[in-house]
Amino acid sequence: MSVESSIALLRVHDSAQQLSDVSFEDRERVRAQILATPVMHARRRARRRLVVALAAGVAALLFAAAGWAVYESVFHSSAQVRDDFQAWAERIELPPGAQWHEPNLDGQGLYGGRAAEMIALGQATCAWFSYWDDAHNARATGRMRDAAAGFVQVRAAMPLHPNGANEEAGGYAPQALSYYDRVIEQQGRGVSQLTEQYLRANCR
């Protein structure tokens, strides 16, 4: 197609030909509206940049606050651990004659969110194992049964460490829980091997 033919085709289909002429008054009115629209000056642009910068700062503060909230949910101060320990001590039963021991904590240290729970369960385990071992040595089968039943309650409260979570998440590895189940099985048969082994390694 030649250039002349292309131009002729465009003229045939030019939609502007259907438009009526704009009057001089309409053109002047549009021009006046354009001239009356204020141009954004440098001061206004600076204010807008300031607003954007302030918004970014607020967003950064909110992000930091959210990060700190997550941090506090994972780590506890020594004071928080002691308070939590007292609460756990009220929930877990110890054998007759046993007493709770105040956790030995660094005053400036940070501890996992389940530190108090783990300390309380560890102390309860030692207490019930000691009670069972004393009863075993005295051939006191009734107290052995009571001790075994007491530790079963402690074992039921032991949380599983989340798979893939960091150490601060707390909880027991599956191998550790299996070990405690073997202790329960041995105690039920009157066998003291694992109980004595645990006491030597962790409680005395």
C-alpha atoms as a PDB file:
ATOM      1  CA  MET A   1       0.000   0.000   0.000  1.00  0.00           C
ATOM      2  CA  SER A   2       1.414   3.431  -0.956  1.00  0.00           C
ATOM      3  CA  VAL A   3       1.774   6.361   1.429  1.00  0.00           C
ATOM      4  CA  GLU A   4      -1.003   8.248  -0.374  1.00  0.00           C
ATOM      5  CA  SER A   5      -3.368   5.284  -0.017  1.00  0.00           C
ATOM      6  CA  SER A   6      -2.564   4.962   3.689  1.00  0.00           C
ATOM      7  CA  ILE A   7      -3.284   8.642   4.311  1.00  0.00           C
ATOM      8  CA  ALA A   8      -6.553   8.390   2.386  1.00  0.00           C
ATOM      9  CA  LEU A   9      -7.590   5.377   4.488  1.00  0.00           C
ATOM     10  CA  LEU A  10      -6.821   7.202   7.712  1.00  0.00           C
ATOM     11  CA  ARG A  11      -8.893  10.187   6.602  1.00  0.00           C
ATOM     12  CA  VAL A  12     -11.885   7.955   5.890  1.00  0.00           C
ATOM     13  CA  HIS A  13     -11.732   6.437   9.396  1.00  0.00           C
ATOM     14  CA  ASP A  14     -10.668   9.586  11.293  1.00  0.00           C
ATOM     15  CA  SER A  15     -13.118   9.827  14.217  1.00  0.00           C
ATOM     16  CA  ALA A  16     -12.117  13.433  14.840  1.00  0.00           C
ATOM     17  CA  GLN A  17     -14.132  14.411  11.775  1.00  0.00           C
ATOM     18  CA  GLN A  18     -17.289  13.598  13.733  1.00  0.00           C
ATOM     19  CA  LEU A  19     -16.453  16.095  16.469  1.00  0.00           C
ATOM     20  CA  SER A  20     -17.972  19.555  16.429  1.00  0.00           C
ATOM     21  CA  ASP A  21     -15.777  22.647  16.513  1.00  0.00           C
ATOM     22  CA  VAL A  22     -14.843  23.880  19.980  1.00  0.00           C
ATOM     23  CA  SER A  23     -15.913  27.443  20.521  1.00  0.00           C
ATOM     24  CA  PHE A  24     -13.480  30.176  21.484  1.00  0.00           C
ATOM     25  CA  GLU A  25     -15.215  30.559  24.870  1.00  0.00           C
ATOM     26  CA  ASP A  26     -14.780  26.822  25.648  1.00  0.00           C
ATOM     27  CA  ARG A  27     -11.109  26.933  24.719  1.00  0.00           C
ATOM     28  CA  GLU A  28     -10.546  29.956  26.980  1.00  0.00           C
ATOM     29  CA  ARG A  29     -12.404  28.307  29.860  1.00  0.00           C
ATOM     30  CA  VAL A  30     -10.181  25.201  29.663  1.00  0.00           C
ATOM     31  CA  ARG A  31      -7.093  27.410  29.415  1.00  0.00           C
ATOM     32  CA  ALA A  32      -8.141  29.399  32.486  1.00  0.00           C
ATOM     33  CA  GLN A  33      -8.685  26.198  34.490  1.00  0.00           C
ATOM     34  CA  ILE A  34      -5.209  24.952  33.556  1.00  0.00           C
ATOM     35  CA  LEU A  35      -3.612  28.244  34.556  1.00  0.00           C
ATOM     36  CA  ALA A  36      -5.557  28.297  37.852  1.00  0.00           C
ATOM     37  CA  THR A  37      -4.281  24.854  38.876  1.00  0.00           C
ATOM     38  CA  PRO A  38      -1.411  25.437  41.334  1.00  0.00           C
ATOM     39  CA  VAL A  39       1.966  23.983  40.502  1.00  0.00           C
ATOM     40  CA  MET A  40       3.632  21.915  43.264  1.00  0.00           C
ATOM     41  CA  HIS A  41       6.450  24.117  44.509  1.00  0.00           C
ATOM     42  CA  ALA A  42       9.713  22.907  45.980  1.00  0.00           C
ATOM     43  CA  ARG A  43       8.442  23.496  49.536  1.00  0.00           C
ATOM     44  CA  ARG A  44       5.427  21.295  48.952  1.00  0.00           C
ATOM     45  CA  ARG A  45       7.611  18.610  47.384  1.00  0.00           C
ATOM     46  CA  ALA A  46       9.884  18.800  50.436  1.00  0.00           C
ATOM     47  CA  ARG A  47       6.877  18.381  52.737  1.00  0.00           C
ATOM     48  CA  ARG A  48       5.743  15.368  50.751  1.00  0.00           C
ATOM     49  CA  ARG A  49       9.223  13.826  51.014  1.00  0.00           C
ATOM     50  CA  LEU A  50       9.151  14.503  54.772  1.00  0.00           C
ATOM     51  CA  VAL A  51       5.777  12.764  55.101  1.00  0.00           C
ATOM     52  CA  VAL A  52       7.091   9.779  53.145  1.00  0.00           C
ATOM     53  CA  ALA A  53      10.222   9.669  55.314  1.00  0.00           C
ATOM     54  CA  LEU A  54       8.146   9.833  58.510  1.00  0.00           C
ATOM     55  CA  ALA A  55       5.902   7.039  57.256  1.00  0.00           C
ATOM     56  CA  ALA A  56       8.959   4.915  56.506  1.00  0.00           C
ATOM     57  CA  GLY A  57      10.308   5.636  59.991  1.00  0.00           C
ATOM     58  CA  VAL A  58       7.034   4.615  61.632  1.00  0.00           C
ATOM     59  CA  ALA A  59       6.998   1.404  59.580  1.00  0.00           C
ATOM     60  CA  ALA A  60      10.565   0.663  60.691  1.00  0.00           C
ATOM     61  CA  LEU A  61       9.612   1.224  64.341  1.00  0.00           C
ATOM     62  CA  LEU A  62       6.589  -1.051  64.015  1.00  0.00           C
ATOM     63  CA  PHE A  63       8.767  -3.721  62.403  1.00  0.00           C
ATOM     64  CA  ALA A  64      11.319  -3.399  65.212  1.00  0.00           C
ATOM     65  CA  ALA A  65       8.560  -3.619  67.834  1.00  0.00           C
ATOM     66  CA  ALA A  66       7.190  -6.762  66.205  1.00  0.00           C
ATOM     67  CA  GLY A  67      10.683  -8.238  66.159  1.00  0.00           C
ATOM     68  CA  TRP A  68      11.149  -7.440  69.837  1.00  0.00           C
ATOM     69  CA  ALA A  69       7.807  -9.042  70.663  1.00  0.00           C
ATOM     70  CA  VAL A  70       8.905 -12.246  68.941  1.00  0.00           C
ATOM     71  CA  TYR A  71      12.272 -12.027  70.728  1.00  0.00           C
ATOM     72  CA  GLU A  72      10.576 -11.684  74.132  1.00  0.00           C
ATOM     73  CA  SER A  73       8.309 -14.639  73.358  1.00  0.00           C
ATOM     74  CA  VAL A  74      11.413 -16.820  72.784  1.00  0.00           C
ATOM     75  CA  PHE A  75      13.721 -15.549  75.541  1.00  0.00           C
ATOM     76  CA  HIS A  76      12.921 -14.851  79.188  1.00  0.00           C
ATOM     77  CA  SER A  77      14.862 -12.969  81.833  1.00  0.00           C
ATOM     78  CA  SER A  78      15.989 -14.710  85.007  1.00  0.00           C
ATOM     79  CA  ALA A  79      13.197 -12.943  86.924  1.00  0.00           C
ATOM     80  CA  GLN A  80      10.589 -14.272  84.481  1.00  0.00           C
ATOM     81  CA  VAL A  81      12.025 -17.773  84.756  1.00  0.00           C
ATOM     82  CA  ARG A  82      11.825 -17.660  88.561  1.00  0.00           C
ATOM     83  CA  ASP A  83       8.202 -16.503  88.434  1.00  0.00           C
ATOM     84  CA  ASP A  84       7.335 -19.202  85.913  1.00  0.00           C
ATOM     85  CA  PHE A  85       9.171 -21.790  88.011  1.00  0.00           C
ATOM     86  CA  GLN A  86       6.977 -21.025  91.018  1.00  0.00           C
ATOM     87  CA  ALA A  87       3.896 -21.525  88.851  1.00  0.00           C
ATOM     88  CA  TRP A  88       5.186 -24.876  87.577  1.00  0.00           C
ATOM     89  CA  ALA A  89       6.092 -25.948  91.117  1.00  0.00           C
ATOM     90  CA  GLU A  90       2.431 -25.554  92.051  1.00  0.00           C
ATOM     91  CA  ARG A  91       1.335 -27.746  89.136  1.00  0.00           C
ATOM     92  CA  ILE A  92       3.750 -30.666  89.511  1.00  0.00           C
ATOM     93  CA  GLU A  93       3.552 -33.054  92.467  1.00  0.00           C
ATOM     94  CA  LEU A  94       6.682 -34.154  94.339  1.00  0.00           C
ATOM     95  CA  PRO A  95       7.044 -37.289  96.472  1.00  0.00           C
ATOM     96  CA  PRO A  96       6.690 -37.067 100.262  1.00  0.00           C
ATOM     97  CA  GLY A  97       9.617 -35.237 101.891  1.00  0.00           C
ATOM     98  CA  ALA A  98      10.945 -33.731  98.634  1.00  0.00           C
ATOM     99  CA  GLN A  99      11.351 -29.977  98.222  1.00  0.00           C
ATOM    100  CA  TRP A 100      11.770 -27.630  95.293  1.00  0.00           C
ATOM    101  CA  HIS A 101      15.111 -25.863  94.855  1.00  0.00           C
ATOM    102  CA  GLU A 102      15.351 -22.289  93.615  1.00  0.00           C
ATOM    103  CA  PRO A 103      16.849 -22.308  90.092  1.00  0.00           C
ATOM    104  CA  ASN A 104      20.486 -21.215  89.929  1.00  0.00           C
ATOM    105  CA  LEU A 105      20.285 -18.508  87.251  1.00  0.00           C
ATOM    106  CA  ASP A 106      22.506 -15.740  85.943  1.00  0.00           C
ATOM    107  CA  GLY A 107      20.874 -12.439  86.880  1.00  0.00           C
ATOM    108  CA  GLN A 108      21.741 -10.926  83.500  1.00  0.00           C
ATOM    109  CA  GLY A 109      21.120 -14.074  81.482  1.00  0.00           C
ATOM    110  CA  LEU A 110      18.422 -14.808  78.930  1.00  0.00           C
ATOM    111  CA  TYR A 111      16.697 -18.174  78.864  1.00  0.00           C
ATOM    112  CA  GLY A 112      14.428 -20.072  76.520  1.00  0.00           C
ATOM    113  CA  GLY A 113      10.717 -19.576  76.998  1.00  0.00           C
ATOM    114  CA  ARG A 114      10.315 -23.078  78.459  1.00  0.00           C
ATOM    115  CA  ALA A 115      13.298 -22.883  80.809  1.00  0.00           C
ATOM    116  CA  ALA A 116      11.196 -22.842  83.976  1.00  0.00           C
ATOM    117  CA  GLU A 117       9.116 -25.802  82.808  1.00  0.00           C
ATOM    118  CA  MET A 118      12.216 -27.819  81.935  1.00  0.00           C
ATOM    119  CA  ILE A 119      13.881 -27.023  85.289  1.00  0.00           C
ATOM    120  CA  ALA A 120      10.751 -28.024  87.201  1.00  0.00           C
ATOM    121  CA  LEU A 121      10.352 -31.287  85.272  1.00  0.00           C
ATOM    122  CA  GLY A 122      14.042 -32.081  85.806  1.00  0.00           C
ATOM    123  CA  GLN A 123      13.777 -31.537  89.558  1.00  0.00           C
ATOM    124  CA  ALA A 124      10.594 -33.617  89.735  1.00  0.00           C
ATOM    125  CA  THR A 125      12.256 -36.442  87.799  1.00  0.00           C
ATOM    126  CA  CYS A 126      15.187 -36.526  90.231  1.00  0.00           C
ATOM    127  CA  ALA A 127      12.829 -36.422  93.210  1.00  0.00           C
ATOM    128  CA  TRP A 128      10.670 -39.328  92.041  1.00  0.00           C
ATOM    129  CA  PHE A 129      13.672 -41.400  90.928  1.00  0.00           C
ATOM    130  CA  SER A 130      15.322 -40.879  94.323  1.00  0.00           C
ATOM    131  CA  TYR A 131      12.108 -41.842  96.081  1.00  0.00           C
ATOM    132  CA  TRP A 132      11.805 -44.982  93.933  1.00  0.00           C
ATOM    133  CA  ASP A 133      15.475 -45.909  94.472  1.00  0.00           C
ATOM    134  CA  ASP A 134      15.219 -45.508  98.253  1.00  0.00           C
ATOM    135  CA  ALA A 135      12.086 -47.662  98.252  1.00  0.00           C
ATOM    136  CA  HIS A 136      13.811 -50.248  96.050  1.00  0.00           C
ATOM    137  CA  ASN A 137      16.768 -50.456  98.411  1.00  0.00           C
ATOM    138  CA  ALA A 138      14.391 -50.862 101.357  1.00  0.00           C
ATOM    139  CA  ARG A 139      12.346 -53.475  99.475  1.00  0.00           C
ATOM    140  CA  ALA A 140       9.289 -51.281 100.096  1.00  0.00           C
ATOM    141  CA  THR A 141       7.165 -52.398  97.155  1.00  0.00           C
ATOM    142  CA  GLY A 142       4.248 -50.109  98.022  1.00  0.00           C
ATOM    143  CA  ARG A 143       6.437 -47.002  97.916  1.00  0.00           C
ATOM    144  CA  MET A 144       8.041 -48.276  94.702  1.00  0.00           C
ATOM    145  CA  ARG A 145       4.606 -48.428  93.078  1.00  0.00           C
ATOM    146  CA  ASP A 146       3.782 -44.926  94.334  1.00  0.00           C
ATOM    147  CA  ALA A 147       7.100 -43.591  93.021  1.00  0.00           C
ATOM    148  CA  ALA A 148       6.615 -45.200  89.624  1.00  0.00           C
ATOM    149  CA  ALA A 149       3.097 -43.773  89.372  1.00  0.00           C
ATOM    150  CA  GLY A 150       4.382 -40.339  90.397  1.00  0.00           C
ATOM    151  CA  PHE A 151       6.970 -40.310  87.659  1.00  0.00           C
ATOM    152  CA  VAL A 152       4.417 -41.465  85.094  1.00  0.00           C
ATOM    153  CA  GLN A 153       2.600 -38.178  85.769  1.00  0.00           C
ATOM    154  CA  VAL A 154       5.829 -36.227  85.277  1.00  0.00           C
ATOM    155  CA  ARG A 155       6.557 -38.109  82.053  1.00  0.00           C
ATOM    156  CA  ALA A 156       3.074 -37.264  80.750  1.00  0.00           C
ATOM    157  CA  ALA A 157       3.845 -33.551  81.214  1.00  0.00           C
ATOM    158  CA  MET A 158       7.131 -33.651  79.273  1.00  0.00           C
ATOM    159  CA  PRO A 159       6.784 -31.669  76.027  1.00  0.00           C
ATOM    160  CA  LEU A 160       8.262 -32.893  72.772  1.00  0.00           C
ATOM    161  CA  HIS A 161      10.906 -30.617  71.271  1.00  0.00           C
ATOM    162  CA  PRO A 162       9.490 -29.241  67.982  1.00  0.00           C
ATOM    163  CA  ASN A 163      11.125 -30.846  64.974  1.00  0.00           C
ATOM    164  CA  GLY A 164      13.607 -28.432  63.385  1.00  0.00           C
ATOM    165  CA  ALA A 165      13.257 -25.794  66.122  1.00  0.00           C
ATOM    166  CA  ASN A 166      16.278 -24.252  67.819  1.00  0.00           C
ATOM    167  CA  GLU A 167      17.430 -25.298  71.272  1.00  0.00           C
ATOM    168  CA  GLU A 168      15.739 -22.341  72.977  1.00  0.00           C
ATOM    169  CA  ALA A 169      12.329 -23.759  72.023  1.00  0.00           C
ATOM    170  CA  GLY A 170      12.670 -26.259  74.882  1.00  0.00           C
ATOM    171  CA  GLY A 171      11.157 -29.700  75.132  1.00  0.00           C
ATOM    172  CA  TYR A 172      12.581 -33.220  75.034  1.00  0.00           C
ATOM    173  CA  ALA A 173      14.059 -35.022  72.066  1.00  0.00           C
ATOM    174  CA  PRO A 174      12.265 -38.249  71.040  1.00  0.00           C
ATOM    175  CA  GLN A 175      15.299 -40.275  72.203  1.00  0.00           C
ATOM    176  CA  ALA A 176      15.085 -38.746  75.683  1.00  0.00           C
ATOM    177  CA  LEU A 177      11.383 -39.518  75.964  1.00  0.00           C
ATOM    178  CA  SER A 178      12.054 -43.088  74.856  1.00  0.00           C
ATOM    179  CA  TYR A 179      14.694 -43.344  77.587  1.00  0.00           C
ATOM    180  CA  TYR A 180      12.191 -42.255  80.242  1.00  0.00           C
ATOM    181  CA  ASP A 181       9.694 -44.796  78.921  1.00  0.00           C
ATOM    182  CA  ARG A 182      12.335 -47.495  79.363  1.00  0.00           C
ATOM    183  CA  VAL A 183      12.888 -46.308  82.938  1.00  0.00           C
ATOM    184  CA  ILE A 184       9.169 -46.656  83.595  1.00  0.00           C
ATOM    185  CA  GLU A 185       9.206 -50.158  82.127  1.00  0.00           C
ATOM    186  CA  GLN A 186      12.180 -51.163  84.284  1.00  0.00           C
ATOM    187  CA  GLN A 187      10.699 -49.687  87.448  1.00  0.00           C
ATOM    188  CA  GLY A 188       7.530 -51.637  86.806  1.00  0.00           C
ATOM    189  CA  ARG A 189       9.634 -54.816  86.842  1.00  0.00           C
ATOM    190  CA  GLY A 190      11.600 -53.733  89.897  1.00  0.00           C
ATOM    191  CA  VAL A 191      14.845 -53.229  87.918  1.00  0.00           C
ATOM    192  CA  SER A 192      16.941 -50.290  89.143  1.00  0.00           C
ATOM    193  CA  GLN A 193      19.658 -50.062  86.467  1.00  0.00           C
ATOM    194  CA  LEU A 194      18.454 -47.044  84.458  1.00  0.00           C
ATOM    195  CA  THR A 195      17.097 -45.260  87.526  1.00  0.00           C
ATOM    196  CA  GLU A 196      20.436 -45.469  89.328  1.00  0.00           C
ATOM    197  CA  GLN A 197      22.271 -44.536  86.143  1.00  0.00           C
ATOM    198  CA  TYR A 198      20.157 -41.393  85.778  1.00  0.00           C
ATOM    199  CA  LEU A 199      20.552 -40.414  89.416  1.00  0.00           C
ATOM    200  CA  ARG A 200      24.351 -40.658  89.224  1.00  0.00           C
ATOM    201  CA  ALA A 201      24.532 -38.611  86.035  1.00  0.00           C
ATOM    202  CA  ASN A 202      21.930 -35.927  86.756  1.00  0.00           C
ATOM    203  CA  CYS A 203      20.845 -35.731  90.380  1.00  0.00           C
ATOM    204  CA  ARG A 204      23.785 -36.280  92.714  1.00  0.00           C
END
